Amino acid sequence: MNRHAAIGSPHQRVIRTVVQAVIAGVPTIVAIIGVVADQWPAEWLVATARTAVAIQGVLARIMAIPAVDAWLTGLGLGSAPRADATTPPRPPAE
């Protein structure tokens, strides 16, 4: 039995984490460029790294919201396999 069967693809969690890291990495990259260009003191890197970790945590929490997770499942990034993404049933026509 495949222990990864519950998420559909063994790489699905990795892709979700990479998406979070890329979004959270933007402030870090900006700070590194600023430090290298001698515009900001090196202490900015520590503060920016903390911010990136906080952003990544917030993104993980947002991705855990059921409505967001359902939307991500439709994109192939949800916690369930994409085949499990079903459209809500329509009310019966009268």
PDB file of N, CA and C in Angstrom:
ATOM      1  N   MET A   1       0.846  -1.188   0.000  1.00  0.00           N
ATOM      2  CA  MET A   1       0.000   0.000   0.000  1.00  0.00           C
ATOM      3  C   MET A   1       0.885   1.242   0.000  1.00  0.00           C
ATOM      4  N   ASN A   2       0.552   2.171  -0.853  1.00  0.00           N
ATOM      5  CA  ASN A   2       1.316   3.403  -0.967  1.00  0.00           C
ATOM      6  C   ASN A   2       0.909   4.365   0.141  1.00  0.00           C
ATOM      7  N   ARG A   3       1.854   4.781   0.948  1.00  0.00           N
ATOM      8  CA  ARG A   3       1.515   5.684   2.051  1.00  0.00           C
ATOM      9  C   ARG A   3       1.198   7.088   1.570  1.00  0.00           C
ATOM     10  N   HIS A   4       1.513   7.398   0.308  1.00  0.00           N
ATOM     11  CA  HIS A   4       1.222   8.714  -0.257  1.00  0.00           C
ATOM     12  C   HIS A   4      -0.098   8.741  -1.014  1.00  0.00           C
ATOM     13  N   ALA A   5      -0.833   7.657  -1.014  1.00  0.00           N
ATOM     14  CA  ALA A   5      -2.059   7.587  -1.807  1.00  0.00           C
ATOM     15  C   ALA A   5      -3.090   8.623  -1.366  1.00  0.00           C
ATOM     16  N   ALA A   6      -3.068   9.025  -0.121  1.00  0.00           N
ATOM     17  CA  ALA A   6      -4.075   9.965   0.379  1.00  0.00           C
ATOM     18  C   ALA A   6      -3.946  11.349  -0.256  1.00  0.00           C
ATOM     19  N   ILE A   7      -2.767  11.713  -0.732  1.00  0.00           N
ATOM     20  CA  ILE A   7      -2.611  13.032  -1.333  1.00  0.00           C
ATOM     21  C   ILE A   7      -2.552  12.981  -2.848  1.00  0.00           C
ATOM     22  N   GLY A   8      -2.680  11.807  -3.431  1.00  0.00           N
ATOM     23  CA  GLY A   8      -2.745  11.713  -4.880  1.00  0.00           C
ATOM     24  C   GLY A   8      -1.392  11.569  -5.529  1.00  0.00           C
ATOM     25  N   SER A   9      -0.514  12.471  -5.328  1.00  0.00           N
ATOM     26  CA  SER A   9       0.812  12.441  -5.918  1.00  0.00           C
ATOM     27  C   SER A   9       1.842  12.603  -4.812  1.00  0.00           C
ATOM     28  N   PRO A  10       2.908  11.810  -4.832  1.00  0.00           N
ATOM     29  CA  PRO A  10       3.919  11.974  -3.777  1.00  0.00           C
ATOM     30  C   PRO A  10       4.613  13.333  -3.826  1.00  0.00           C
ATOM     31  N   HIS A  11       4.517  14.008  -4.947  1.00  0.00           N
ATOM     32  CA  HIS A  11       5.195  15.300  -5.089  1.00  0.00           C
ATOM     33  C   HIS A  11       4.273  16.482  -4.799  1.00  0.00           C
ATOM     34  N   GLN A  12       3.020  16.205  -4.490  1.00  0.00           N
ATOM     35  CA  GLN A  12       2.036  17.268  -4.299  1.00  0.00           C
ATOM     36  C   GLN A  12       2.389  18.178  -3.125  1.00  0.00           C
ATOM     37  N   ARG A  13       2.803  17.605  -2.015  1.00  0.00           N
ATOM     38  CA  ARG A  13       3.179  18.429  -0.853  1.00  0.00           C
ATOM     39  C   ARG A  13       4.432  19.235  -1.138  1.00  0.00           C
ATOM     40  N   VAL A  14       5.344  18.652  -1.892  1.00  0.00           N
ATOM     41  CA  VAL A  14       6.564  19.377  -2.252  1.00  0.00           C
ATOM     42  C   VAL A  14       6.217  20.595  -3.097  1.00  0.00           C
ATOM     43  N   ILE A  15       5.319  20.422  -4.043  1.00  0.00           N
ATOM     44  CA  ILE A  15       4.927  21.537  -4.905  1.00  0.00           C
ATOM     45  C   ILE A  15       4.266  22.634  -4.084  1.00  0.00           C
ATOM     46  N   ARG A  16       3.396  22.253  -3.134  1.00  0.00           N
ATOM     47  CA  ARG A  16       2.752  23.254  -2.266  1.00  0.00           C
ATOM     48  C   ARG A  16       3.801  24.030  -1.478  1.00  0.00           C
ATOM     49  N   THR A  17       4.786  23.329  -0.938  1.00  0.00           N
ATOM     50  CA  THR A  17       5.827  23.989  -0.152  1.00  0.00           C
ATOM     51  C   THR A  17       6.680  24.900  -1.023  1.00  0.00           C
ATOM     52  N   VAL A  18       6.983  24.481  -2.243  1.00  0.00           N
ATOM     53  CA  VAL A  18       7.764  25.324  -3.152  1.00  0.00           C
ATOM     54  C   VAL A  18       6.994  26.595  -3.496  1.00  0.00           C
ATOM     55  N   VAL A  19       5.696  26.470  -3.720  1.00  0.00           N
ATOM     56  CA  VAL A  19       4.881  27.660  -4.008  1.00  0.00           C
ATOM     57  C   VAL A  19       4.937  28.628  -2.825  1.00  0.00           C
ATOM     58  N   GLN A  20       4.804  28.101  -1.613  1.00  0.00           N
ATOM     59  CA  GLN A  20       4.881  28.949  -0.422  1.00  0.00           C
ATOM     60  C   GLN A  20       6.253  29.611  -0.313  1.00  0.00           C
ATOM     61  N   ALA A  21       7.313  28.840  -0.550  1.00  0.00           N
ATOM     62  CA  ALA A  21       8.676  29.370  -0.400  1.00  0.00           C
ATOM     63  C   ALA A  21       8.979  30.441  -1.446  1.00  0.00           C
ATOM     64  N   VAL A  22       8.493  30.251  -2.660  1.00  0.00           N
ATOM     65  CA  VAL A  22       8.735  31.247  -3.707  1.00  0.00           C
ATOM     66  C   VAL A  22       8.053  32.562  -3.350  1.00  0.00           C
ATOM     67  N   ILE A  23       6.804  32.476  -2.889  1.00  0.00           N
ATOM     68  CA  ILE A  23       6.082  33.700  -2.506  1.00  0.00           C
ATOM     69  C   ILE A  23       6.761  34.375  -1.318  1.00  0.00           C
ATOM     70  N   ALA A  24       7.167  33.586  -0.335  1.00  0.00           N
ATOM     71  CA  ALA A  24       7.795  34.159   0.854  1.00  0.00           C
ATOM     72  C   ALA A  24       9.236  34.589   0.589  1.00  0.00           C
ATOM     73  N   GLY A  25       9.857  34.069  -0.443  1.00  0.00           N
ATOM     74  CA  GLY A  25      11.258  34.394  -0.728  1.00  0.00           C
ATOM     75  C   GLY A  25      11.474  35.746  -1.370  1.00  0.00           C
ATOM     76  N   VAL A  26      10.419  36.339  -1.892  1.00  0.00           N
ATOM     77  CA  VAL A  26      10.563  37.636  -2.562  1.00  0.00           C
ATOM     78  C   VAL A  26      11.148  38.705  -1.629  1.00  0.00           C
ATOM     79  N   PRO A  27      10.635  38.888  -0.393  1.00  0.00           N
ATOM     80  CA  PRO A  27      11.248  39.905   0.474  1.00  0.00           C
ATOM     81  C   PRO A  27      12.704  39.594   0.810  1.00  0.00           C
ATOM     82  N   THR A  28      13.027  38.321   0.928  1.00  0.00           N
ATOM     83  CA  THR A  28      14.409  37.946   1.233  1.00  0.00           C
ATOM     84  C   THR A  28      15.334  38.316   0.081  1.00  0.00           C
ATOM     85  N   ILE A  29      14.899  38.058  -1.124  1.00  0.00           N
ATOM     86  CA  ILE A  29      15.717  38.397  -2.297  1.00  0.00           C
ATOM     87  C   ILE A  29      15.921  39.901  -2.396  1.00  0.00           C
ATOM     88  N   VAL A  30      14.875  40.667  -2.129  1.00  0.00           N
ATOM     89  CA  VAL A  30      14.994  42.126  -2.164  1.00  0.00           C
ATOM     90  C   VAL A  30      15.999  42.605  -1.121  1.00  0.00           C
ATOM     91  N   ALA A  31      15.960  42.024   0.083  1.00  0.00           N
ATOM     92  CA  ALA A  31      16.905  42.421   1.135  1.00  0.00           C
ATOM     93  C   ALA A  31      18.329  42.029   0.777  1.00  0.00           C
ATOM     94  N   ILE A  32      18.526  40.861   0.203  1.00  0.00           N
ATOM     95  CA  ILE A  32      19.878  40.435  -0.190  1.00  0.00           C
ATOM     96  C   ILE A  32      20.434  41.388  -1.235  1.00  0.00           C
ATOM     97  N   ILE A  33      19.612  41.759  -2.196  1.00  0.00           N
ATOM     98  CA  ILE A  33      20.065  42.707  -3.219  1.00  0.00           C
ATOM     99  C   ILE A  33      20.415  44.045  -2.582  1.00  0.00           C
ATOM    100  N   GLY A  34      19.599  44.493  -1.625  1.00  0.00           N
ATOM    101  CA  GLY A  34      19.886  45.758  -0.944  1.00  0.00           C
ATOM    102  C   GLY A  34      21.164  45.719  -0.136  1.00  0.00           C
ATOM    103  N   VAL A  35      21.432  44.598   0.536  1.00  0.00           N
ATOM    104  CA  VAL A  35      22.661  44.470   1.328  1.00  0.00           C
ATOM    105  C   VAL A  35      23.871  44.399   0.411  1.00  0.00           C
ATOM    106  N   VAL A  36      23.763  43.618  -0.666  1.00  0.00           N
ATOM    107  CA  VAL A  36      24.884  43.486  -1.598  1.00  0.00           C
ATOM    108  C   VAL A  36      25.176  44.823  -2.276  1.00  0.00           C
ATOM    109  N   ALA A  37      24.147  45.590  -2.571  1.00  0.00           N
ATOM    110  CA  ALA A  37      24.336  46.888  -3.214  1.00  0.00           C
ATOM    111  C   ALA A  37      24.760  47.962  -2.208  1.00  0.00           C
ATOM    112  N   ASP A  38      24.950  47.557  -0.953  1.00  0.00           N
ATOM    113  CA  ASP A  38      25.397  48.465   0.107  1.00  0.00           C
ATOM    114  C   ASP A  38      24.382  49.571   0.409  1.00  0.00           C
ATOM    115  N   GLN A  39      23.107  49.258   0.219  1.00  0.00           N
ATOM    116  CA  GLN A  39      22.067  50.226   0.523  1.00  0.00           C
ATOM    117  C   GLN A  39      21.542  50.045   1.935  1.00  0.00           C
ATOM    118  N   TRP A  40      21.548  48.826   2.442  1.00  0.00           N
ATOM    119  CA  TRP A  40      21.019  48.524   3.762  1.00  0.00           C
ATOM    120  C   TRP A  40      22.084  47.829   4.593  1.00  0.00           C
ATOM    121  N   PRO A  41      22.013  47.950   5.916  1.00  0.00           N
ATOM    122  CA  PRO A  41      22.946  47.197   6.766  1.00  0.00           C
ATOM    123  C   PRO A  41      22.606  45.704   6.741  1.00  0.00           C
ATOM    124  N   ALA A  42      23.569  44.877   7.084  1.00  0.00           N
ATOM    125  CA  ALA A  42      23.402  43.419   7.030  1.00  0.00           C
ATOM    126  C   ALA A  42      22.327  42.918   7.992  1.00  0.00           C
ATOM    127  N   GLU A  43      22.001  43.689   9.037  1.00  0.00           N
ATOM    128  CA  GLU A  43      20.968  43.276   9.983  1.00  0.00           C
ATOM    129  C   GLU A  43      19.606  43.106   9.308  1.00  0.00           C
ATOM    130  N   TRP A  44      19.419  43.743   8.171  1.00  0.00           N
ATOM    131  CA  TRP A  44      18.163  43.609   7.445  1.00  0.00           C
ATOM    132  C   TRP A  44      17.922  42.163   7.027  1.00  0.00           C
ATOM    133  N   LEU A  45      18.999  41.409   6.788  1.00  0.00           N
ATOM    134  CA  LEU A  45      18.829  40.019   6.370  1.00  0.00           C
ATOM    135  C   LEU A  45      18.150  39.188   7.450  1.00  0.00           C
ATOM    136  N   VAL A  46      18.519  39.421   8.710  1.00  0.00           N
ATOM    137  CA  VAL A  46      17.912  38.672   9.812  1.00  0.00           C
ATOM    138  C   VAL A  46      16.421  38.995   9.898  1.00  0.00           C
ATOM    139  N   ALA A  47      16.089  40.257   9.850  1.00  0.00           N
ATOM    140  CA  ALA A  47      14.690  40.659   9.923  1.00  0.00           C
ATOM    141  C   ALA A  47      13.905  40.134   8.727  1.00  0.00           C
ATOM    142  N   THR A  48      14.507  40.167   7.559  1.00  0.00           N
ATOM    143  CA  THR A  48      13.821  39.689   6.367  1.00  0.00           C
ATOM    144  C   THR A  48      13.646  38.182   6.397  1.00  0.00           C
ATOM    145  N   ALA A  49      14.618  37.461   6.921  1.00  0.00           N
ATOM    146  CA  ALA A  49      14.490  36.006   7.040  1.00  0.00           C
ATOM    147  C   ALA A  49      13.340  35.655   7.981  1.00  0.00           C
ATOM    148  N   ARG A  50      13.233  36.377   9.081  1.00  0.00           N
ATOM    149  CA  ARG A  50      12.108  36.158   9.997  1.00  0.00           C
ATOM    150  C   ARG A  50      10.777  36.444   9.304  1.00  0.00           C
ATOM    151  N   THR A  51      10.739  37.506   8.541  1.00  0.00           N
ATOM    152  CA  THR A  51       9.520  37.854   7.815  1.00  0.00           C
ATOM    153  C   THR A  51       9.165  36.764   6.805  1.00  0.00           C
ATOM    154  N   ALA A  52      10.156  36.248   6.097  1.00  0.00           N
ATOM    155  CA  ALA A  52       9.904  35.195   5.112  1.00  0.00           C
ATOM    156  C   ALA A  52       9.339  33.941   5.780  1.00  0.00           C
ATOM    157  N   VAL A  53       9.874  33.583   6.935  1.00  0.00           N
ATOM    158  CA  VAL A  53       9.368  32.418   7.661  1.00  0.00           C
ATOM    159  C   VAL A  53       7.934  32.672   8.124  1.00  0.00           C
ATOM    160  N   ALA A  54       7.662  33.875   8.604  1.00  0.00           N
ATOM    161  CA  ALA A  54       6.301  34.208   9.041  1.00  0.00           C
ATOM    162  C   ALA A  54       5.323  34.169   7.870  1.00  0.00           C
ATOM    163  N   ILE A  55       5.721  34.711   6.727  1.00  0.00           N
ATOM    164  CA  ILE A  55       4.862  34.693   5.543  1.00  0.00           C
ATOM    165  C   ILE A  55       4.588  33.251   5.118  1.00  0.00           C
ATOM    166  N   GLN A  56       5.618  32.410   5.161  1.00  0.00           N
ATOM    167  CA  GLN A  56       5.441  31.017   4.778  1.00  0.00           C
ATOM    168  C   GLN A  56       4.472  30.313   5.732  1.00  0.00           C
ATOM    169  N   GLY A  57       4.547  30.607   7.013  1.00  0.00           N
ATOM    170  CA  GLY A  57       3.614  30.028   7.971  1.00  0.00           C
ATOM    171  C   GLY A  57       2.192  30.478   7.732  1.00  0.00           C
ATOM    172  N   VAL A  58       2.020  31.760   7.427  1.00  0.00           N
ATOM    173  CA  VAL A  58       0.684  32.287   7.144  1.00  0.00           C
ATOM    174  C   VAL A  58       0.128  31.657   5.866  1.00  0.00           C
ATOM    175  N   LEU A  59       0.966  31.515   4.847  1.00  0.00           N
ATOM    176  CA  LEU A  59       0.508  30.893   3.611  1.00  0.00           C
ATOM    177  C   LEU A  59       0.103  29.440   3.838  1.00  0.00           C
ATOM    178  N   ALA A  60       0.850  28.720   4.669  1.00  0.00           N
ATOM    179  CA  ALA A  60       0.493  27.330   4.976  1.00  0.00           C
ATOM    180  C   ALA A  60      -0.858  27.278   5.680  1.00  0.00           C
ATOM    181  N   ARG A  61      -1.087  28.216   6.581  1.00  0.00           N
ATOM    182  CA  ARG A  61      -2.371  28.257   7.298  1.00  0.00           C
ATOM    183  C   ARG A  61      -3.512  28.611   6.353  1.00  0.00           C
ATOM    184  N   ILE A  62      -3.278  29.559   5.448  1.00  0.00           N
ATOM    185  CA  ILE A  62      -4.300  29.934   4.474  1.00  0.00           C
ATOM    186  C   ILE A  62      -4.610  28.763   3.562  1.00  0.00           C
ATOM    187  N   MET A  63      -3.580  28.021   3.143  1.00  0.00           N
ATOM    188  CA  MET A  63      -3.795  26.870   2.270  1.00  0.00           C
ATOM    189  C   MET A  63      -4.561  25.755   2.975  1.00  0.00           C
ATOM    190  N   ALA A  64      -4.610  25.779   4.299  1.00  0.00           N
ATOM    191  CA  ALA A  64      -5.332  24.762   5.058  1.00  0.00           C
ATOM    192  C   ALA A  64      -6.812  25.098   5.218  1.00  0.00           C
ATOM    193  N   ILE A  65      -7.224  26.311   4.872  1.00  0.00           N
ATOM    194  CA  ILE A  65      -8.641  26.678   4.940  1.00  0.00           C
ATOM    195  C   ILE A  65      -9.393  25.820   3.919  1.00  0.00           C
ATOM    196  N   PRO A  66     -10.507  25.188   4.321  1.00  0.00           N
ATOM    197  CA  PRO A  66     -11.194  24.258   3.416  1.00  0.00           C
ATOM    198  C   PRO A  66     -11.551  24.838   2.043  1.00  0.00           C
ATOM    199  N   ALA A  67     -12.028  26.070   1.984  1.00  0.00           N
ATOM    200  CA  ALA A  67     -12.393  26.656   0.688  1.00  0.00           C
ATOM    201  C   ALA A  67     -11.162  26.870  -0.189  1.00  0.00           C
ATOM    202  N   VAL A  68     -10.071  27.318   0.409  1.00  0.00           N
ATOM    203  CA  VAL A  68      -8.829  27.524  -0.338  1.00  0.00           C
ATOM    204  C   VAL A  68      -8.263  26.178  -0.778  1.00  0.00           C
ATOM    205  N   ASP A  69      -8.323  25.188   0.116  1.00  0.00           N
ATOM    206  CA  ASP A  69      -7.828  23.858  -0.221  1.00  0.00           C
ATOM    207  C   ASP A  69      -8.633  23.255  -1.369  1.00  0.00           C
ATOM    208  N   ALA A  70      -9.941  23.480  -1.381  1.00  0.00           N
ATOM    209  CA  ALA A  70     -10.774  22.975  -2.482  1.00  0.00           C
ATOM    210  C   ALA A  70     -10.374  23.638  -3.797  1.00  0.00           C
ATOM    211  N   TRP A  71     -10.105  24.939  -3.759  1.00  0.00           N
ATOM    212  CA  TRP A  71      -9.663  25.652  -4.960  1.00  0.00           C
ATOM    213  C   TRP A  71      -8.301  25.137  -5.420  1.00  0.00           C
ATOM    214  N   LEU A  72      -7.386  24.938  -4.468  1.00  0.00           N
ATOM    215  CA  LEU A  72      -6.064  24.417  -4.807  1.00  0.00           C
ATOM    216  C   LEU A  72      -6.146  22.994  -5.341  1.00  0.00           C
ATOM    217  N   THR A  73      -7.102  22.209  -4.859  1.00  0.00           N
ATOM    218  CA  THR A  73      -7.271  20.844  -5.356  1.00  0.00           C
ATOM    219  C   THR A  73      -7.624  20.874  -6.839  1.00  0.00           C
ATOM    220  N   GLY A  74      -8.430  21.825  -7.245  1.00  0.00           N
ATOM    221  CA  GLY A  74      -8.760  21.981  -8.659  1.00  0.00           C
ATOM    222  C   GLY A  74      -7.544  22.315  -9.509  1.00  0.00           C
ATOM    223  N   LEU A  75      -6.546  22.964  -8.898  1.00  0.00           N
ATOM    224  CA  LEU A  75      -5.304  23.301  -9.598  1.00  0.00           C
ATOM    225  C   LEU A  75      -4.271  22.182  -9.516  1.00  0.00           C
ATOM    226  N   GLY A  76      -4.564  21.160  -8.703  1.00  0.00           N
ATOM    227  CA  GLY A  76      -3.605  20.078  -8.515  1.00  0.00           C
ATOM    228  C   GLY A  76      -2.661  20.308  -7.356  1.00  0.00           C
ATOM    229  N   LEU A  77      -2.929  21.321  -6.513  1.00  0.00           N
ATOM    230  CA  LEU A  77      -2.065  21.633  -5.381  1.00  0.00           C
ATOM    231  C   LEU A  77      -2.744  21.408  -4.041  1.00  0.00           C
ATOM    232  N   GLY A  78      -3.947  20.879  -4.051  1.00  0.00           N
ATOM    233  CA  GLY A  78      -4.692  20.681  -2.814  1.00  0.00           C
ATOM    234  C   GLY A  78      -4.208  19.482  -2.031  1.00  0.00           C
ATOM    235  N   SER A  79      -4.857  19.254  -0.887  1.00  0.00           N
ATOM    236  CA  SER A  79      -4.462  18.128  -0.038  1.00  0.00           C
ATOM    237  C   SER A  79      -5.066  16.820  -0.509  1.00  0.00           C
ATOM    238  N   ALA A  80      -6.001  16.887  -1.456  1.00  0.00           N
ATOM    239  CA  ALA A  80      -6.618  15.688  -2.022  1.00  0.00           C
ATOM    240  C   ALA A  80      -6.211  15.583  -3.489  1.00  0.00           C
ATOM    241  N   PRO A  81      -6.292  14.380  -4.045  1.00  0.00           N
ATOM    242  CA  PRO A  81      -5.976  14.247  -5.471  1.00  0.00           C
ATOM    243  C   PRO A  81      -6.919  15.089  -6.325  1.00  0.00           C
ATOM    244  N   ARG A  82      -6.426  15.526  -7.472  1.00  0.00           N
ATOM    245  CA  ARG A  82      -7.209  16.382  -8.353  1.00  0.00           C
ATOM    246  C   ARG A  82      -8.500  15.692  -8.798  1.00  0.00           C
ATOM    247  N   ALA A  83      -8.484  14.385  -8.929  1.00  0.00           N
ATOM    248  CA  ALA A  83      -9.678  13.644  -9.351  1.00  0.00           C
ATOM    249  C   ALA A  83     -10.800  13.772  -8.331  1.00  0.00           C
ATOM    250  N   ASP A  84     -10.454  14.078  -7.076  1.00  0.00           N
ATOM    251  CA  ASP A  84     -11.457  14.230  -6.029  1.00  0.00           C
ATOM    252  C   ASP A  84     -12.138  15.594  -6.058  1.00  0.00           C
ATOM    253  N   ALA A  85     -11.632  16.498  -6.875  1.00  0.00           N
ATOM    254  CA  ALA A  85     -12.229  17.830  -6.957  1.00  0.00           C
ATOM    255  C   ALA A  85     -13.515  17.726  -7.771  1.00  0.00           C
ATOM    256  N   THR A  86     -14.596  17.856  -7.081  1.00  0.00           N
ATOM    257  CA  THR A  86     -15.883  17.761  -7.763  1.00  0.00           C
ATOM    258  C   THR A  86     -16.597  19.094  -7.651  1.00  0.00           C
ATOM    259  N   THR A  87     -17.410  19.363  -8.631  1.00  0.00           N
ATOM    260  CA  THR A  87     -18.203  20.575  -8.565  1.00  0.00           C
ATOM    261  C   THR A  87     -19.395  20.337  -7.656  1.00  0.00           C
ATOM    262  N   PRO A  88     -19.837  21.351  -6.939  1.00  0.00           N
ATOM    263  CA  PRO A  88     -20.977  21.159  -6.048  1.00  0.00           C
ATOM    264  C   PRO A  88     -22.228  20.802  -6.857  1.00  0.00           C
ATOM    265  N   PRO A  89     -23.088  19.958  -6.304  1.00  0.00           N
ATOM    266  CA  PRO A  89     -24.288  19.569  -7.048  1.00  0.00           C
ATOM    267  C   PRO A  89     -25.233  20.762  -7.218  1.00  0.00           C
ATOM    268  N   ARG A  90     -25.889  20.778  -8.361  1.00  0.00           N
ATOM    269  CA  ARG A  90     -26.854  21.853  -8.640  1.00  0.00           C
ATOM    270  C   ARG A  90     -28.198  21.493  -8.020  1.00  0.00           C
ATOM    271  N   PRO A  91     -28.927  22.508  -7.572  1.00  0.00           N
ATOM    272  CA  PRO A  91     -30.258  22.222  -7.032  1.00  0.00           C
ATOM    273  C   PRO A  91     -31.171  21.715  -8.147  1.00  0.00           C
ATOM    274  N   PRO A  92     -32.114  20.857  -7.817  1.00  0.00           N
ATOM    275  CA  PRO A  92     -33.003  20.323  -8.854  1.00  0.00           C
ATOM    276  C   PRO A  92     -33.852  21.437  -9.464  1.00  0.00           C
ATOM    277  N   ALA A  93     -34.033  21.344 -10.778  1.00  0.00           N
ATOM    278  CA  ALA A  93     -34.863  22.334 -11.484  1.00  0.00           C
ATOM    279  C   ALA A  93     -36.325  22.033 -11.241  1.00  0.00           C
ATOM    280  N   GLU A  94     -37.105  23.070 -11.071  1.00  0.00           N
ATOM    281  CA  GLU A  94     -38.538  22.877 -10.812  1.00  0.00           C
ATOM    282  C   GLU A  94     -39.348  23.048 -12.053  1.00  0.00           C
TER     283      GLU A  94
END
